[in-house]
Every structure is written in structure tokens, then in C-alpha cells.
């Protein structure tokens, strides 16, 4: 008769839980190996967390210029101004005549 499996002690269960948090199983070359999990903040990868929550000044100070999004242009460009002026001029012209 085979030997019965014994239950894990509380300390062994805690250690197993910590290992599972720290490492993950993946297959490399057909073999199952343990690798360290990538670091996360609130369940997000570090890069995604920074992209969502950092302000442009912090990104610039830390050299992360690829995450900086350009600010919207407050002044319209010349073509938009000319088009609006032409439309208003045409409207005034039709109202007069």
C-alpha cells in the first residue's frame, strides 16, 4: 500500500503562497521553469502605471520623453483662421445683396 500524502503545515503553506506571488511558471524549450514575476503597481506594469499617472515635468526630469504627449494647440493655425474669415466674409456678402 502506498504511503499517504501528508498535509502541509501552516509555515509550509505560507512559504508556498509567497513563492507563488514571487515566481511564475513558464515553458522554455519545452520545459517548465520558474521565473520571477515582473514588478507591478496596483496590478499594472510599471511602464503603464507611469504613463497613466506621471505628469510631464516628472517624465522630463527622469528622461522618459517618449511618454510625454504633446499639449493641445491653444492657437489655431493660419489655415483655420483664413477659412473662418472667408466663410464669415461670404456670409456677410450674401446678407448685403
C-alpha atoms as a PDB file:
ATOM      1  CA  UNK A   1       0.000   0.000   0.000  1.00  0.00           C
ATOM      2  CA  UNK A   2       1.434   3.414  -0.976  1.00  0.00           C
ATOM      3  CA  UNK A   3       2.316   5.997   1.588  1.00  0.00           C
ATOM      4  CA  UNK A   4      -0.408   8.605   2.203  1.00  0.00           C
ATOM      5  CA  UNK A   5       0.261  12.232   1.357  1.00  0.00           C
ATOM      6  CA  UNK A   6       0.647  14.400   4.411  1.00  0.00           C
ATOM      7  CA  UNK A   7      -0.933  17.820   4.832  1.00  0.00           C
ATOM      8  CA  UNK A   8       1.273  20.896   4.675  1.00  0.00           C
ATOM      9  CA  UNK A   9       1.958  22.757   7.890  1.00  0.00           C
ATOM     10  CA  UNK A  10       0.915  26.389   8.254  1.00  0.00           C
ATOM     11  CA  UNK A  11       4.503  27.561   7.703  1.00  0.00           C
ATOM     12  CA  UNK A  12       4.825  25.442   4.552  1.00  0.00           C
ATOM     13  CA  UNK A  13       1.528  26.832   3.202  1.00  0.00           C
ATOM     14  CA  UNK A  14       2.721  30.409   3.825  1.00  0.00           C
ATOM     15  CA  UNK A  15       6.026  29.695   2.085  1.00  0.00           C
ATOM     16  CA  UNK A  16       4.206  28.152  -0.884  1.00  0.00           C
ATOM     17  CA  UNK A  17       1.913  31.181  -1.149  1.00  0.00           C
ATOM     18  CA  UNK A  18       4.908  33.552  -1.079  1.00  0.00           C
ATOM     19  CA  UNK A  19       6.681  31.541  -3.795  1.00  0.00           C
ATOM     20  CA  UNK A  20       3.605  31.732  -5.996  1.00  0.00           C
ATOM     21  CA  UNK A  21       3.458  35.513  -5.550  1.00  0.00           C
ATOM     22  CA  UNK A  22       7.155  35.899  -6.326  1.00  0.00           C
ATOM     23  CA  UNK A  23       7.587  33.443  -9.210  1.00  0.00           C
ATOM     24  CA  UNK A  24       5.565  32.237 -12.185  1.00  0.00           C
ATOM     25  CA  UNK A  25       5.751  29.067 -14.243  1.00  0.00           C
ATOM     26  CA  UNK A  26       6.516  29.298 -17.965  1.00  0.00           C
ATOM     27  CA  UNK A  27       7.612  26.856 -20.625  1.00  0.00           C
ATOM     28  CA  UNK A  28      11.039  27.433 -22.169  1.00  0.00           C
ATOM     29  CA  UNK A  29      12.251  24.956 -24.785  1.00  0.00           C
ATOM     30  CA  UNK A  30       9.501  22.538 -23.793  1.00  0.00           C
ATOM     31  CA  UNK A  31      10.458  22.562 -20.124  1.00  0.00           C
ATOM     32  CA  UNK A  32       8.562  24.124 -17.282  1.00  0.00           C
ATOM     33  CA  UNK A  33      10.694  26.647 -15.395  1.00  0.00           C
ATOM     34  CA  UNK A  34      10.079  29.227 -12.689  1.00  0.00           C
ATOM     35  CA  UNK A  35      10.950  32.847 -13.397  1.00  0.00           C
ATOM     36  CA  UNK A  36      10.489  35.949 -11.277  1.00  0.00           C
ATOM     37  CA  UNK A  37       7.269  37.807 -11.948  1.00  0.00           C
ATOM     38  CA  UNK A  38       7.657  41.280 -13.447  1.00  0.00           C
ATOM     39  CA  UNK A  39       7.124  44.066 -10.912  1.00  0.00           C
ATOM     40  CA  UNK A  40       3.642  45.597 -10.764  1.00  0.00           C
ATOM     41  CA  UNK A  41       1.995  48.550  -9.063  1.00  0.00           C
ATOM     42  CA  UNK A  42      -1.709  48.146  -8.272  1.00  0.00           C
ATOM     43  CA  UNK A  43      -1.864  45.299 -10.780  1.00  0.00           C
ATOM     44  CA  UNK A  44      -0.403  47.395 -13.630  1.00  0.00           C
ATOM     45  CA  UNK A  45       3.041  47.061 -15.139  1.00  0.00           C
ATOM     46  CA  UNK A  46       5.442  49.775 -14.028  1.00  0.00           C
ATOM     47  CA  UNK A  47       5.539  51.383 -17.505  1.00  0.00           C
ATOM     48  CA  UNK A  48       1.751  51.508 -17.793  1.00  0.00           C
ATOM     49  CA  UNK A  49       1.391  52.937 -14.266  1.00  0.00           C
ATOM     50  CA  UNK A  50       3.919  55.679 -15.043  1.00  0.00           C
ATOM     51  CA  UNK A  51       2.273  56.503 -18.377  1.00  0.00           C
ATOM     52  CA  UNK A  52      -1.129  56.886 -16.687  1.00  0.00           C
ATOM     53  CA  UNK A  53      -0.138  58.775 -13.540  1.00  0.00           C
ATOM     54  CA  UNK A  54       3.028  60.814 -14.135  1.00  0.00           C
ATOM     55  CA  UNK A  55       2.928  64.485 -15.041  1.00  0.00           C
ATOM     56  CA  UNK A  56       5.049  65.890 -17.898  1.00  0.00           C
ATOM     57  CA  UNK A  57       7.538  67.574 -15.558  1.00  0.00           C
ATOM     58  CA  UNK A  58       8.332  64.314 -13.743  1.00  0.00           C
ATOM     59  CA  UNK A  59       8.645  62.465 -17.071  1.00  0.00           C
ATOM     60  CA  UNK A  60      11.060  65.119 -18.364  1.00  0.00           C
ATOM     61  CA  UNK A  61      13.160  65.062 -15.183  1.00  0.00           C
ATOM     62  CA  UNK A  62      13.516  61.280 -15.458  1.00  0.00           C
ATOM     63  CA  UNK A  63      14.260  61.222 -19.187  1.00  0.00           C
ATOM     64  CA  UNK A  64      11.042  59.490 -20.232  1.00  0.00           C
ATOM     65  CA  UNK A  65      10.274  61.765 -23.164  1.00  0.00           C
ATOM     66  CA  UNK A  66       8.545  59.028 -25.171  1.00  0.00           C
ATOM     67  CA  UNK A  67       5.662  59.081 -22.651  1.00  0.00           C
ATOM     68  CA  UNK A  68       5.102  62.843 -22.907  1.00  0.00           C
ATOM     69  CA  UNK A  69       2.070  63.642 -25.029  1.00  0.00           C
ATOM     70  CA  UNK A  70       2.041  66.972 -26.854  1.00  0.00           C
ATOM     71  CA  UNK A  71      -0.248  69.580 -25.376  1.00  0.00           C
ATOM     72  CA  UNK A  72      -3.200  70.696 -27.470  1.00  0.00           C
ATOM     73  CA  UNK A  73      -2.525  73.805 -29.530  1.00  0.00           C
ATOM     74  CA  UNK A  74      -4.215  76.818 -27.922  1.00  0.00           C
ATOM     75  CA  UNK A  75      -3.915  78.950 -31.039  1.00  0.00           C
ATOM     76  CA  UNK A  76      -5.455  77.877 -34.343  1.00  0.00           C
ATOM     77  CA  UNK A  77      -3.117  77.610 -37.295  1.00  0.00           C
ATOM     78  CA  UNK A  78      -3.245  80.105 -40.146  1.00  0.00           C
ATOM     79  CA  UNK A  79      -5.311  77.907 -42.498  1.00  0.00           C
ATOM     80  CA  UNK A  80      -8.134  77.548 -39.971  1.00  0.00           C
ATOM     81  CA  UNK A  81      -8.225  81.303 -39.352  1.00  0.00           C
ATOM     82  CA  UNK A  82      -8.301  82.053 -43.083  1.00  0.00           C
ATOM     83  CA  UNK A  83     -11.088  79.527 -43.686  1.00  0.00           C
ATOM     84  CA  UNK A  84     -13.200  81.006 -40.873  1.00  0.00           C
ATOM     85  CA  UNK A  85     -12.583  84.545 -42.150  1.00  0.00           C
ATOM     86  CA  UNK A  86     -13.550  83.558 -45.708  1.00  0.00           C
ATOM     87  CA  UNK A  87     -16.753  81.871 -44.504  1.00  0.00           C
ATOM     88  CA  UNK A  88     -17.739  84.934 -42.457  1.00  0.00           C
ATOM     89  CA  UNK A  89     -16.949  87.228 -45.374  1.00  0.00           C
ATOM     90  CA  UNK A  90     -19.074  85.136 -47.749  1.00  0.00           C
ATOM     91  CA  UNK A  91     -21.958  85.179 -45.259  1.00  0.00           C
ATOM     92  CA  UNK A  92     -21.776  88.985 -44.901  1.00  0.00           C
ATOM     93  CA  UNK A  93     -21.673  89.345 -48.678  1.00  0.00           C
ATOM     94  CA  UNK A  94     -24.845  87.233 -49.153  1.00  0.00           C
ATOM     95  CA  UNK A  95     -26.705  89.166 -46.417  1.00  0.00           C
ATOM     96  CA  UNK A  96     -25.978  92.501 -48.093  1.00  0.00           C
ATOM     97  CA  UNK A  97     -27.076  91.624 -51.581  1.00  0.00           C
END
